[in-house]
Protein backbone atom coordinates (compact mmCIF):
# COMPACT_ATOMS: atom_id res chain seq x y z
CA MET A 1 63.71 -130.49 241.76
CA GLU A 2 66.94 -128.76 240.80
CA SER A 3 68.18 -126.38 243.47
CA ARG A 4 69.12 -122.79 242.67
CA ARG A 5 72.79 -123.58 243.31
CA GLN A 6 72.66 -126.60 240.95
CA PHE A 7 70.99 -124.46 238.27
CA ILE A 8 73.66 -121.76 238.52
CA THR A 9 76.44 -124.35 238.40
CA ARG A 10 74.95 -126.10 235.36
CA THR A 11 74.38 -122.79 233.54
CA ALA A 12 77.94 -121.66 234.21
CA ALA A 13 79.28 -124.93 232.84
CA ILE A 14 77.28 -124.57 229.65
CA ALA A 15 78.46 -120.99 229.22
CA ALA A 16 82.07 -122.02 229.75
CA ALA A 17 81.78 -124.75 227.14
CA ALA A 18 80.20 -122.45 224.55
CA PRO A 19 82.53 -120.73 222.06
CA PHE A 20 83.30 -117.10 222.89
CA ILE A 21 81.62 -114.59 220.61
CA SER A 22 83.33 -111.19 220.56
CA THR A 23 81.45 -107.93 220.79
CA ARG A 24 82.50 -107.16 217.23
CA VAL A 25 80.97 -110.41 215.98
CA THR A 26 77.83 -109.80 218.01
CA ARG A 27 77.43 -106.38 216.44
CA ALA A 28 78.03 -107.79 212.97
CA LEU A 29 75.38 -110.46 213.53
CA ALA A 30 72.95 -107.82 214.77
CA ALA A 31 73.66 -105.65 211.73
CA SER A 32 73.17 -108.57 209.36
CA SER A 33 69.77 -109.29 210.87
CA ARG A 34 68.50 -105.84 209.88
CA PRO A 35 67.28 -105.13 206.36
CA ARG A 36 69.81 -103.16 204.36
CA LEU A 37 68.79 -99.62 203.54
CA GLY A 38 68.31 -98.81 199.88
CA TRP A 39 70.63 -96.13 198.51
CA ALA A 40 70.09 -94.26 195.25
CA LEU A 41 73.06 -92.58 193.58
CA CYS A 42 72.35 -89.12 192.17
CA GLY A 43 75.02 -88.56 189.53
CA LEU A 44 76.86 -91.43 187.84
CA GLY A 45 80.32 -89.96 187.24
CA GLY A 46 83.68 -91.53 187.98
CA LEU A 47 83.36 -91.38 191.76
CA SER A 48 80.04 -93.22 191.72
CA GLU A 49 81.24 -95.73 189.15
CA HIS A 50 84.65 -96.59 190.58
CA GLN A 51 84.30 -95.98 194.32
CA ILE A 52 80.76 -95.66 195.67
CA ALA A 53 78.92 -98.40 193.76
CA PRO A 54 81.64 -101.02 194.43
CA ALA A 55 81.63 -99.98 198.10
CA LEU A 56 77.89 -100.56 198.31
CA LEU A 57 78.51 -104.17 197.34
CA LYS A 58 80.86 -104.52 200.34
CA SER A 59 78.70 -102.72 202.89
CA GLU A 60 76.82 -104.39 205.72
CA ARG A 61 73.87 -102.01 206.01
CA CYS A 62 73.41 -100.64 202.48
CA ARG A 63 72.42 -101.77 199.01
CA LEU A 64 72.24 -100.03 195.65
CA ALA A 65 68.52 -99.53 195.07
CA GLY A 66 68.26 -96.76 192.48
CA ILE A 67 70.00 -94.31 190.18
CA ILE A 68 69.39 -90.70 189.15
CA THR A 69 70.90 -89.47 185.88
CA ASP A 70 70.04 -87.41 182.83
CA THR A 71 72.06 -89.71 180.57
CA PRO A 72 69.97 -92.64 179.24
CA GLU A 73 73.05 -94.56 178.09
CA LYS A 74 74.49 -94.50 181.61
CA ALA A 75 71.16 -95.60 183.06
CA LYS A 76 71.00 -98.64 180.77
CA LYS A 77 74.60 -99.61 181.57
CA TRP A 78 74.02 -99.39 185.33
CA GLN A 79 70.75 -101.27 185.11
CA ALA A 80 72.44 -104.11 183.28
CA GLN A 81 75.38 -104.20 185.68
CA TYR A 82 73.48 -103.90 188.96
CA GLY A 83 70.02 -105.24 188.13
CA ILE A 84 68.23 -101.96 188.84
CA PRO A 85 64.56 -102.07 187.78
CA ASP A 86 63.02 -99.38 185.56
CA ARG A 87 60.86 -98.11 188.43
CA SER A 88 64.04 -97.15 190.36
CA VAL A 89 65.62 -95.08 187.57
CA TYR A 90 65.04 -91.33 187.72
CA THR A 91 66.21 -88.13 186.08
CA TYR A 92 67.04 -84.95 187.99
CA ASP A 93 63.62 -83.60 187.04
CA THR A 94 61.69 -86.67 188.22
CA MET A 95 63.21 -87.09 191.68
CA SER A 96 59.85 -86.23 193.26
CA ARG A 97 58.52 -89.61 192.06
CA MET A 98 60.82 -91.34 194.56
CA ALA A 99 58.18 -90.59 197.18
CA ASP A 100 56.31 -93.65 195.87
CA ASN A 101 59.37 -95.92 195.93
CA LYS A 102 59.76 -97.65 199.29
CA ASP A 103 62.91 -99.45 198.09
CA ILE A 104 64.88 -96.19 198.33
CA ASP A 105 65.75 -94.85 201.80
CA VAL A 106 68.77 -92.62 201.10
CA VAL A 107 69.86 -90.47 198.18
CA TYR A 108 73.64 -90.01 197.82
CA ILE A 109 74.28 -86.80 195.88
CA VAL A 110 77.41 -87.01 193.71
CA THR A 111 76.93 -84.09 191.33
CA PRO A 112 78.71 -80.73 190.84
CA ASN A 113 78.77 -78.65 194.02
CA ALA A 114 76.26 -75.99 192.97
CA LEU A 115 73.55 -78.62 192.34
CA HIS A 116 73.63 -80.12 195.83
CA ALA A 117 71.00 -77.87 197.41
CA GLU A 118 68.45 -78.27 194.63
CA GLN A 119 68.79 -82.05 194.66
CA THR A 120 68.81 -82.28 198.46
CA LEU A 121 65.57 -80.35 198.64
CA ALA A 122 64.01 -82.66 196.03
CA ALA A 123 65.13 -85.80 197.85
CA ALA A 124 63.98 -84.55 201.26
CA LYS A 125 60.60 -83.54 199.83
CA ALA A 126 60.28 -87.09 198.50
CA GLY A 127 60.84 -88.36 202.05
CA LYS A 128 64.41 -89.62 201.59
CA HIS A 129 67.45 -89.19 203.82
CA VAL A 130 70.33 -87.39 202.08
CA TYR A 131 74.06 -88.05 201.98
CA CYS A 132 76.01 -85.43 200.05
CA GLU A 133 79.50 -85.22 198.63
CA LYS A 134 81.72 -82.45 199.92
CA PRO A 135 81.77 -79.52 199.78
CA MET A 136 78.20 -79.43 200.98
CA GLU A 137 77.34 -76.47 198.70
CA VAL A 138 78.81 -73.24 197.34
CA SER A 139 77.39 -70.81 199.89
CA VAL A 140 76.41 -70.65 203.54
CA GLU A 141 72.84 -69.78 202.55
CA LYS A 142 72.43 -72.89 200.39
CA CYS A 143 73.88 -75.11 203.11
CA GLN A 144 71.32 -73.75 205.56
CA GLN A 145 68.53 -74.40 203.06
CA MET A 146 69.62 -78.05 202.90
CA ILE A 147 69.66 -78.38 206.68
CA ASP A 148 66.26 -76.73 207.04
CA ALA A 149 64.67 -78.87 204.32
CA CYS A 150 65.85 -82.13 205.86
CA LYS A 151 64.73 -81.06 209.32
CA ALA A 152 61.31 -80.08 207.99
CA ALA A 153 60.98 -83.51 206.36
CA ASN A 154 62.30 -85.27 209.49
CA ARG A 155 65.09 -86.77 207.40
CA LYS A 156 68.80 -87.02 208.19
CA LEU A 157 71.47 -85.13 206.24
CA GLY A 158 75.11 -86.21 206.11
CA VAL A 159 78.23 -85.04 204.28
CA ALA A 160 80.76 -87.47 202.82
CA TYR A 161 83.80 -86.82 205.00
CA ARG A 162 85.18 -90.32 204.49
CA CYS A 163 88.51 -89.65 206.26
CA GLN A 164 86.70 -89.37 209.58
CA PHE A 165 85.98 -93.11 209.28
CA ASP A 166 89.54 -94.17 208.45
CA PRO A 167 91.35 -96.00 211.31
CA LEU A 168 94.58 -94.07 210.65
CA HIS A 169 92.86 -90.70 210.89
CA GLN A 170 91.02 -91.89 213.98
CA GLU A 171 94.31 -92.90 215.61
CA CYS A 172 95.79 -89.47 214.89
CA ILE A 173 92.70 -87.88 216.41
CA ARG A 174 93.21 -90.08 219.49
CA LEU A 175 96.84 -89.00 219.75
CA ALA A 176 95.78 -85.36 219.57
CA ARG A 177 92.95 -85.66 222.10
CA SER A 178 94.95 -87.75 224.59
CA LYS A 179 97.88 -85.31 224.39
CA GLU A 180 100.27 -88.25 224.19
CA PHE A 181 102.89 -85.85 222.84
CA GLY A 182 101.76 -82.95 225.01
CA GLU A 183 99.83 -79.87 224.04
CA LEU A 184 99.38 -79.28 220.31
CA ARG A 185 101.21 -76.31 218.84
CA LEU A 186 101.16 -76.44 215.04
CA ILE A 187 99.24 -78.29 212.34
CA ASP A 188 100.53 -78.36 208.77
CA ALA A 189 98.21 -79.77 206.12
CA ALA A 190 98.05 -79.72 202.33
CA PHE A 191 96.34 -81.35 199.38
CA ASN A 192 97.69 -80.47 195.94
CA VAL A 193 96.84 -81.96 192.55
CA ASP A 194 97.22 -81.36 188.83
CA ILE A 195 93.60 -80.77 187.87
CA GLY A 196 94.18 -81.60 184.22
CA PRO A 197 92.82 -79.97 181.06
CA PRO A 198 90.50 -76.94 180.97
CA GLY A 199 86.81 -77.21 180.20
CA GLN A 200 85.82 -79.46 183.11
CA TRP A 201 83.07 -78.43 185.53
CA ARG A 202 85.49 -77.98 188.43
CA LEU A 203 86.98 -74.97 186.62
CA LYS A 204 83.57 -73.32 186.12
CA ARG A 205 82.53 -71.19 189.08
CA ALA A 206 78.82 -71.56 188.33
CA LEU A 207 79.08 -75.28 189.02
CA SER A 208 82.01 -75.59 191.43
CA GLY A 209 81.72 -72.41 193.51
CA GLY A 210 85.51 -72.28 193.69
CA GLY A 211 88.68 -74.09 192.74
CA ALA A 212 91.38 -75.93 194.63
CA LEU A 213 90.14 -74.82 198.06
CA MET A 214 86.58 -76.06 197.55
CA ASP A 215 87.68 -79.32 195.92
CA VAL A 216 90.77 -80.67 197.69
CA GLY A 217 91.79 -77.90 200.10
CA ILE A 218 88.74 -78.80 202.18
CA TYR A 219 90.56 -81.98 203.26
CA ALA A 220 93.32 -79.93 204.87
CA LEU A 221 90.72 -77.67 206.47
CA GLN A 222 88.80 -80.66 207.84
CA ALA A 223 91.97 -82.27 209.19
CA ALA A 224 92.96 -79.12 211.08
CA ARG A 225 89.52 -78.97 212.67
CA TYR A 226 89.20 -82.59 213.75
CA LEU A 227 92.82 -82.85 214.89
CA SER A 228 92.65 -79.70 217.01
CA GLY A 229 89.12 -80.49 218.19
CA GLU A 230 88.36 -76.78 217.87
CA GLU A 231 86.83 -74.27 215.50
CA PRO A 232 89.09 -71.52 214.09
CA VAL A 233 88.47 -67.99 215.27
CA GLN A 234 90.54 -66.13 212.67
CA VAL A 235 92.01 -66.77 209.22
CA ILE A 236 94.50 -65.08 206.91
CA ALA A 237 95.01 -66.21 203.31
CA PHE A 238 96.87 -65.60 200.05
CA GLU A 239 95.89 -66.69 196.55
CA GLN A 240 98.34 -67.20 193.69
CA LYS A 241 97.25 -67.37 190.04
CA THR A 242 99.91 -67.89 187.38
CA ASP A 243 97.50 -69.07 184.65
CA PRO A 244 94.66 -66.53 184.52
CA VAL A 245 93.18 -68.19 181.42
CA LYS A 246 92.75 -71.75 182.67
CA PHE A 247 91.95 -70.61 186.21
CA GLY A 248 90.09 -67.46 185.26
CA GLU A 249 86.96 -68.39 187.21
CA VAL A 250 88.39 -70.27 190.20
CA ASP A 251 91.34 -70.26 192.59
CA GLN A 252 94.48 -71.98 191.30
CA SER A 253 96.56 -72.05 194.51
CA MET A 254 95.76 -70.95 198.04
CA VAL A 255 97.63 -70.84 201.34
CA TRP A 256 95.95 -69.93 204.60
CA GLN A 257 96.53 -69.91 208.33
CA MET A 258 93.93 -70.53 211.02
CA ARG A 259 94.16 -69.56 214.66
CA PHE A 260 92.27 -71.69 217.18
CA PRO A 261 91.05 -70.66 220.67
CA SER A 262 93.70 -72.72 222.47
CA GLY A 263 96.48 -70.99 220.53
CA VAL A 264 97.04 -73.82 218.05
CA LEU A 265 97.99 -72.52 214.59
CA ALA A 266 97.24 -74.38 211.37
CA ASN A 267 99.20 -73.72 208.18
CA CYS A 268 97.35 -75.09 205.15
CA SER A 269 97.78 -75.03 201.40
CA THR A 270 96.17 -76.34 198.26
CA SER A 271 96.78 -76.11 194.53
CA TYR A 272 95.30 -77.26 191.23
CA ASP A 273 98.63 -76.85 189.42
CA THR A 274 101.26 -79.05 191.09
CA GLY A 275 102.22 -82.65 191.46
CA VAL A 276 100.05 -84.66 193.82
CA SER A 277 100.75 -84.34 197.55
CA ALA A 278 98.36 -84.93 200.44
CA TYR A 279 99.57 -84.85 204.03
CA PHE A 280 99.25 -83.45 207.51
CA ARG A 281 101.66 -83.19 210.44
CA VAL A 282 100.85 -82.23 214.01
CA SER A 283 103.67 -80.72 216.09
CA ALA A 284 103.24 -80.92 219.85
CA GLN A 285 105.37 -80.19 222.93
CA ARG A 286 107.18 -83.54 222.93
CA GLY A 287 107.10 -84.70 219.34
CA TRP A 288 104.95 -85.01 216.25
CA PHE A 289 102.64 -87.36 214.40
CA GLY A 290 100.99 -87.26 211.01
CA MET A 291 100.09 -88.91 207.74
CA ASP A 292 101.72 -88.85 204.31
CA PRO A 293 99.85 -89.57 202.14
CA ALA A 294 96.78 -88.72 204.17
CA PHE A 295 93.72 -88.21 201.97
CA PHE A 296 93.84 -90.86 199.23
CA TYR A 297 91.21 -93.56 198.76
CA ALA A 298 93.82 -96.17 199.71
CA GLY A 299 97.52 -96.46 200.51
CA ASN A 300 97.65 -93.80 203.24
CA ARG A 301 100.35 -94.03 205.92
CA ALA A 302 100.72 -92.66 209.43
CA ARG A 303 103.89 -92.03 211.47
CA ARG A 304 104.90 -90.71 214.88
CA SER A 305 108.17 -89.14 216.01
CA ASP A 306 108.98 -91.73 218.67
CA GLY A 307 109.27 -94.43 216.01
CA LYS A 308 106.35 -96.52 217.26
CA GLU A 309 104.53 -98.17 214.39
CA ILE A 310 101.01 -97.14 213.45
CA ALA A 311 99.82 -100.27 211.70
CA LEU A 312 96.06 -100.49 211.29
CA PRO A 313 93.95 -102.39 208.77
CA GLU A 314 93.06 -100.57 205.58
CA ILE A 315 89.33 -100.29 205.03
CA ASP A 316 87.01 -99.16 202.27
CA MET A 317 86.24 -95.68 203.59
CA PHE A 318 83.24 -95.30 201.29
CA ALA A 319 81.62 -98.46 202.63
CA ALA A 320 82.42 -97.41 206.21
CA GLN A 321 80.88 -93.96 205.89
CA MET A 322 77.71 -95.27 204.23
CA ASP A 323 77.32 -98.04 206.79
CA ASP A 324 77.67 -95.50 209.58
CA PHE A 325 75.03 -93.21 208.08
CA SER A 326 72.67 -96.17 207.68
CA ARG A 327 73.32 -97.07 211.32
CA CYS A 328 72.45 -93.54 212.38
CA ILE A 329 69.16 -93.81 210.49
CA GLN A 330 68.32 -97.26 211.86
CA GLU A 331 69.19 -96.33 215.43
CA ASN A 332 67.91 -92.74 215.12
CA VAL A 333 71.12 -91.19 216.43
CA PRO A 334 73.01 -88.11 215.18
CA SER A 335 75.69 -88.45 212.53
CA LYS A 336 79.14 -87.04 213.24
CA VAL A 337 79.22 -85.82 209.63
CA SER A 338 75.91 -83.99 209.76
CA GLY A 339 74.81 -81.08 207.63
CA GLU A 340 75.95 -78.76 210.41
CA GLU A 341 79.47 -80.17 210.02
CA GLY A 342 79.38 -79.40 206.31
CA LEU A 343 78.07 -75.90 206.96
CA ARG A 344 81.02 -75.15 209.28
CA ASP A 345 83.54 -75.91 206.54
CA VAL A 346 81.72 -73.72 204.02
CA LYS A 347 81.61 -70.83 206.52
CA ILE A 348 85.37 -71.12 207.04
CA MET A 349 86.08 -71.36 203.31
CA MET A 350 84.06 -68.21 202.70
CA ALA A 351 86.19 -66.48 205.35
CA ILE A 352 89.36 -67.75 203.63
CA TYR A 353 88.21 -66.36 200.28
CA GLU A 354 87.41 -63.02 201.93
CA ALA A 355 90.82 -62.91 203.61
CA ALA A 356 92.58 -63.63 200.30
CA ARG A 357 90.49 -61.00 198.50
CA THR A 358 90.93 -58.22 201.06
CA GLY A 359 94.41 -59.00 202.37
CA ARG A 360 93.14 -58.75 205.93
CA ALA A 361 92.66 -61.19 208.79
CA VAL A 362 89.04 -62.30 208.95
CA THR A 363 87.20 -63.36 212.08
CA VAL A 364 85.23 -66.59 211.68
CA ALA A 365 81.73 -66.23 213.07
């Protein structure tokens, strides 16, 4: 009979001869052994067509399982391209029927901002988890309705803050939290674009809830929050409108400053009427670090003042965020981009609008 010592020796030898499998590979194998969650896209505009659907094909935990659209021509095109059966095609008015479709686990809402609450409530009532494009909604009240509906249905709610899953942003967050350059002092962040011709839904308040701030300024706001690791306690803001016809319903350009409990100040700006720029820079006691560009789908770059290279692999942020939300569902753990995270941004944006309207500093509750 083999002695205990002989058994241990033989087992150790076998283990030594076996190829090493990294933790990353182990996790990937574990993920691949789970069934992929079925995602339905609600709204088939450019973002869904060019970014989200292709990302679903790359993901490890997700698959495209359904579509929701009021445009029959789009439905037929997507069905042909992705092999989506008729039973998994819905309109905005028939979302309740998803309750009978076990192939769909998550609904990703990619429609104009002011429709998010209505569609979230419909998806949650049908028993589906919800992932929602930012901004979460156009008012604090509607955001809270979304949170309450998903909690009542025991479903998870996430907001598509893809930059939080980007390795470059994560490295900048690490630099901030570790205080590698000392205590943070100032954060400068901006996202400016040329929104293009009038007539689009983003320029209609009833659908967008606001202009540059709600659409792209939210990236600068998010960056200031996750870099500082704090919530602002006070904001001041100024709005500039040089084209009151095109931007008659929404903000054209906005600058604002946020004061954080530690004393960190964030200077942020956004515009719908400039060339494209998207960056942030964090100034600390002994240097700075930042990204320029910072918020694009690809091609972002990070730098630090001491000249050390920040070279990290570029990923598909859409695939990464959807995989993470699926993981949270499968493992029943909280998402870092929960509905509560989306609600915080909307609360702060409402304070920014109030500060710009009144010309006074506004305390953020």
